[in-house]
PDB file of N, CA and C in Angstrom:
ATOM      1  N   MET A   1     -66.890 288.229 277.605  1.00  0.00           N
ATOM      2  CA  MET A   1     -65.609 287.984 276.824  1.00  0.00           C
ATOM      3  C   MET A   1     -64.568 288.358 277.054  1.00  0.00           C
ATOM      4  N   SER A   2     -63.526 287.581 277.206  1.00  0.00           N
ATOM      5  CA  SER A   2     -62.250 288.221 277.351  1.00  0.00           C
ATOM      6  C   SER A   2     -61.566 288.149 275.964  1.00  0.00           C
ATOM      7  N   ASP A   3     -60.944 289.507 276.051  1.00  0.00           N
ATOM      8  CA  ASP A   3     -60.466 289.575 274.572  1.00  0.00           C
ATOM      9  C   ASP A   3     -58.863 289.302 274.776  1.00  0.00           C
ATOM     10  N   PRO A   4     -58.001 288.340 274.087  1.00  0.00           N
ATOM     11  CA  PRO A   4     -56.815 287.954 274.288  1.00  0.00           C
ATOM     12  C   PRO A   4     -55.566 289.194 273.833  1.00  0.00           C
ATOM     13  N   ASP A   5     -56.065 290.294 272.993  1.00  0.00           N
ATOM     14  CA  ASP A   5     -54.957 291.222 272.665  1.00  0.00           C
ATOM     15  C   ASP A   5     -55.267 292.282 273.669  1.00  0.00           C
ATOM     16  N   LYS A   6     -56.005 292.488 274.597  1.00  0.00           N
ATOM     17  CA  LYS A   6     -55.967 293.507 275.620  1.00  0.00           C
ATOM     18  C   LYS A   6     -55.134 292.954 277.037  1.00  0.00           C
ATOM     19  N   ILE A   7     -54.737 294.067 277.602  1.00  0.00           N
ATOM     20  CA  ILE A   7     -53.404 294.081 278.625  1.00  0.00           C
ATOM     21  C   ILE A   7     -54.188 294.202 280.009  1.00  0.00           C
ATOM     22  N   TRP A   8     -54.116 293.319 281.093  1.00  0.00           N
ATOM     23  CA  TRP A   8     -54.483 293.574 282.163  1.00  0.00           C
ATOM     24  C   TRP A   8     -53.339 294.971 282.876  1.00  0.00           C
ATOM     25  N   PRO A   9     -54.044 295.586 283.701  1.00  0.00           N
ATOM     26  CA  PRO A   9     -54.963 295.858 284.315  1.00  0.00           C
ATOM     27  C   PRO A   9     -55.842 297.114 283.724  1.00  0.00           C
ATOM     28  N   THR A  10     -54.930 297.621 282.478  1.00  0.00           N
ATOM     29  CA  THR A  10     -56.094 298.842 281.893  1.00  0.00           C
ATOM     30  C   THR A  10     -57.146 298.292 280.510  1.00  0.00           C
ATOM     31  N   GLY A  11     -57.064 297.219 280.262  1.00  0.00           N
ATOM     32  CA  GLY A  11     -57.831 296.703 279.211  1.00  0.00           C
ATOM     33  C   GLY A  11     -57.476 297.753 277.986  1.00  0.00           C
ATOM     34  N   LEU A  12     -56.315 298.178 277.638  1.00  0.00           N
ATOM     35  CA  LEU A  12     -55.941 298.451 276.318  1.00  0.00           C
ATOM     36  C   LEU A  12     -55.302 297.597 275.566  1.00  0.00           C
ATOM     37  N   THR A  13     -54.950 297.562 274.215  1.00  0.00           N
ATOM     38  CA  THR A  13     -54.284 296.766 273.534  1.00  0.00           C
ATOM     39  C   THR A  13     -52.659 297.505 273.460  1.00  0.00           C
ATOM     40  N   GLU A  14     -51.816 296.504 273.321  1.00  0.00           N
ATOM     41  CA  GLU A  14     -50.578 296.717 273.002  1.00  0.00           C
ATOM     42  C   GLU A  14     -50.486 298.227 272.072  1.00  0.00           C
ATOM     43  N   ARG A  15     -50.920 298.167 270.882  1.00  0.00           N
ATOM     44  CA  ARG A  15     -51.050 299.370 270.000  1.00  0.00           C
ATOM     45  C   ARG A  15     -51.810 300.690 270.734  1.00  0.00           C
ATOM     46  N   GLU A  16     -52.506 300.698 271.404  1.00  0.00           N
ATOM     47  CA  GLU A  16     -53.304 301.747 272.096  1.00  0.00           C
ATOM     48  C   GLU A  16     -52.238 302.206 273.273  1.00  0.00           C
ATOM     49  N   ALA A  17     -51.792 301.395 274.136  1.00  0.00           N
ATOM     50  CA  ALA A  17     -51.122 301.780 275.287  1.00  0.00           C
ATOM     51  C   ALA A  17     -49.691 302.235 274.612  1.00  0.00           C
ATOM     52  N   GLU A  18     -49.451 302.259 273.596  1.00  0.00           N
ATOM     53  CA  GLU A  18     -48.212 302.688 273.232  1.00  0.00           C
ATOM     54  C   GLU A  18     -48.490 303.948 272.614  1.00  0.00           C
ATOM     55  N   GLU A  19     -49.720 304.589 272.066  1.00  0.00           N
ATOM     56  CA  GLU A  19     -50.169 305.659 271.546  1.00  0.00           C
ATOM     57  C   GLU A  19     -50.468 306.574 272.847  1.00  0.00           C
ATOM     58  N   VAL A  20     -51.117 306.089 273.517  1.00  0.00           N
ATOM     59  CA  VAL A  20     -51.159 306.861 274.911  1.00  0.00           C
ATOM     60  C   VAL A  20     -49.890 306.991 275.693  1.00  0.00           C
ATOM     61  N   HIS A  21     -49.010 305.987 275.561  1.00  0.00           N
ATOM     62  CA  HIS A  21     -47.486 306.679 276.113  1.00  0.00           C
ATOM     63  C   HIS A  21     -46.990 307.993 275.233  1.00  0.00           C
ATOM     64  N   SER A  22     -47.045 307.808 273.750  1.00  0.00           N
ATOM     65  CA  SER A  22     -46.454 308.663 273.142  1.00  0.00           C
ATOM     66  C   SER A  22     -46.872 310.195 273.552  1.00  0.00           C
ATOM     67  N   TYR A  23     -48.304 310.127 273.508  1.00  0.00           N
ATOM     68  CA  TYR A  23     -49.363 311.490 273.894  1.00  0.00           C
ATOM     69  C   TYR A  23     -48.300 311.984 275.466  1.00  0.00           C
ATOM     70  N   LEU A  24     -48.242 310.925 276.313  1.00  0.00           N
ATOM     71  CA  LEU A  24     -47.841 311.275 277.361  1.00  0.00           C
ATOM     72  C   LEU A  24     -46.524 312.022 277.400  1.00  0.00           C
ATOM     73  N   ILE A  25     -45.711 311.406 276.602  1.00  0.00           N
ATOM     74  CA  ILE A  25     -44.203 311.725 276.456  1.00  0.00           C
ATOM     75  C   ILE A  25     -44.102 312.918 275.750  1.00  0.00           C
ATOM     76  N   ASP A  26     -45.105 313.376 274.750  1.00  0.00           N
ATOM     77  CA  ASP A  26     -45.078 314.615 274.069  1.00  0.00           C
ATOM     78  C   ASP A  26     -45.862 315.699 275.385  1.00  0.00           C
ATOM     79  N   GLY A  27     -46.314 315.505 275.861  1.00  0.00           N
ATOM     80  CA  GLY A  27     -47.205 316.322 276.807  1.00  0.00           C
ATOM     81  C   GLY A  27     -45.836 316.578 278.006  1.00  0.00           C
ATOM     82  N   THR A  28     -45.288 315.810 278.222  1.00  0.00           N
ATOM     83  CA  THR A  28     -44.081 316.101 279.103  1.00  0.00           C
ATOM     84  C   THR A  28     -42.904 316.864 278.735  1.00  0.00           C
ATOM     85  N   ARG A  29     -42.911 316.808 277.268  1.00  0.00           N
ATOM     86  CA  ARG A  29     -41.834 317.555 276.964  1.00  0.00           C
ATOM     87  C   ARG A  29     -42.227 318.904 276.420  1.00  0.00           C
ATOM     88  N   VAL A  30     -43.303 318.924 276.030  1.00  0.00           N
ATOM     89  CA  VAL A  30     -43.836 320.331 275.977  1.00  0.00           C
ATOM     90  C   VAL A  30     -44.046 321.301 277.360  1.00  0.00           C
ATOM     91  N   PHE A  31     -44.216 320.244 278.433  1.00  0.00           N
ATOM     92  CA  PHE A  31     -44.433 321.155 279.549  1.00  0.00           C
ATOM     93  C   PHE A  31     -43.163 321.653 279.972  1.00  0.00           C
ATOM     94  N   GLY A  32     -41.910 320.806 279.809  1.00  0.00           N
ATOM     95  CA  GLY A  32     -40.690 321.000 280.004  1.00  0.00           C
ATOM     96  C   GLY A  32     -40.117 322.158 279.731  1.00  0.00           C
ATOM     97  N   VAL A  33     -40.333 322.522 278.269  1.00  0.00           N
ATOM     98  CA  VAL A  33     -39.924 323.528 277.366  1.00  0.00           C
ATOM     99  C   VAL A  33     -40.470 324.563 278.093  1.00  0.00           C
ATOM    100  N   ILE A  34     -41.813 324.541 278.373  1.00  0.00           N
ATOM    101  CA  ILE A  34     -42.386 325.933 278.836  1.00  0.00           C
ATOM    102  C   ILE A  34     -41.857 326.394 280.019  1.00  0.00           C
ATOM    103  N   ALA A  35     -41.757 325.449 280.915  1.00  0.00           N
ATOM    104  CA  ALA A  35     -41.164 325.564 282.247  1.00  0.00           C
ATOM    105  C   ALA A  35     -39.464 326.249 282.236  1.00  0.00           C
ATOM    106  N   LEU A  36     -38.922 325.591 281.303  1.00  0.00           N
ATOM    107  CA  LEU A  36     -37.422 326.284 281.105  1.00  0.00           C
ATOM    108  C   LEU A  36     -37.574 327.713 280.623  1.00  0.00           C
ATOM    109  N   ILE A  37     -38.438 327.774 279.628  1.00  0.00           N
ATOM    110  CA  ILE A  37     -38.658 329.043 279.022  1.00  0.00           C
ATOM    111  C   ILE A  37     -38.828 330.190 280.314  1.00  0.00           C
ATOM    112  N   ALA A  38     -39.980 329.719 281.323  1.00  0.00           N
ATOM    113  CA  ALA A  38     -40.121 330.677 282.181  1.00  0.00           C
ATOM    114  C   ALA A  38     -39.284 330.935 283.062  1.00  0.00           C
ATOM    115  N   HIS A  39     -38.367 329.665 283.582  1.00  0.00           N
ATOM    116  CA  HIS A  39     -37.563 329.730 284.468  1.00  0.00           C
ATOM    117  C   HIS A  39     -36.429 330.663 283.908  1.00  0.00           C
ATOM    118  N   LEU A  40     -35.884 330.421 282.768  1.00  0.00           N
ATOM    119  CA  LEU A  40     -34.832 331.745 281.872  1.00  0.00           C
ATOM    120  C   LEU A  40     -35.627 333.021 281.906  1.00  0.00           C
ATOM    121  N   LEU A  41     -36.854 333.367 281.937  1.00  0.00           N
ATOM    122  CA  LEU A  41     -37.379 334.680 281.959  1.00  0.00           C
ATOM    123  C   LEU A  41     -37.150 335.037 283.437  1.00  0.00           C
ATOM    124  N   VAL A  42     -37.667 334.419 284.234  1.00  0.00           N
ATOM    125  CA  VAL A  42     -37.723 334.855 285.446  1.00  0.00           C
ATOM    126  C   VAL A  42     -35.787 335.402 286.024  1.00  0.00           C
ATOM    127  N   ALA A  43     -35.078 334.089 285.640  1.00  0.00           N
ATOM    128  CA  ALA A  43     -33.786 334.700 285.564  1.00  0.00           C
ATOM    129  C   ALA A  43     -33.211 335.780 285.224  1.00  0.00           C
ATOM    130  N   VAL A  44     -33.648 336.247 284.276  1.00  0.00           N
ATOM    131  CA  VAL A  44     -33.507 337.401 283.518  1.00  0.00           C
ATOM    132  C   VAL A  44     -33.695 338.533 283.641  1.00  0.00           C
ATOM    133  N   SER A  45     -35.103 338.400 283.946  1.00  0.00           N
ATOM    134  CA  SER A  45     -35.831 339.855 284.807  1.00  0.00           C
ATOM    135  C   SER A  45     -35.183 339.932 286.175  1.00  0.00           C
ATOM    136  N   THR A  46     -34.841 339.029 286.965  1.00  0.00           N
ATOM    137  CA  THR A  46     -34.572 339.281 288.495  1.00  0.00           C
ATOM    138  C   THR A  46     -33.147 339.616 288.873  1.00  0.00           C
ATOM    139  N   PRO A  47     -32.280 340.836 288.841  1.00  0.00           N
ATOM    140  CA  PRO A  47     -31.040 340.987 288.535  1.00  0.00           C
ATOM    141  C   PRO A  47     -30.515 340.080 289.864  1.00  0.00           C
ATOM    142  N   TRP A  48     -31.114 340.281 291.486  1.00  0.00           N
ATOM    143  CA  TRP A  48     -30.983 339.834 292.600  1.00  0.00           C
ATOM    144  C   TRP A  48     -30.416 338.175 292.380  1.00  0.00           C
ATOM    145  N   LEU A  49     -31.097 337.424 291.218  1.00  0.00           N
ATOM    146  CA  LEU A  49     -30.816 336.065 291.232  1.00  0.00           C
ATOM    147  C   LEU A  49     -29.546 335.499 290.550  1.00  0.00           C
ATOM    148  N   GLY A  50     -29.000 336.284 289.769  1.00  0.00           N
ATOM    149  CA  GLY A  50     -27.914 336.182 289.338  1.00  0.00           C
ATOM    150  C   GLY A  50     -26.865 336.943 289.575  1.00  0.00           C
TER     151      GLY A  50
END
């Protein structure tokens, strides 16, 4: 049976897709902050870069 609320090709409902998307965005933001901190620490700790 086909559920009319499900969206092709994922099989998720609109609400489920929005929830997955919000987790993806939050994870990307966390990764970006960690990468920014790591790059700043490397720039500060290596005098030949600056």
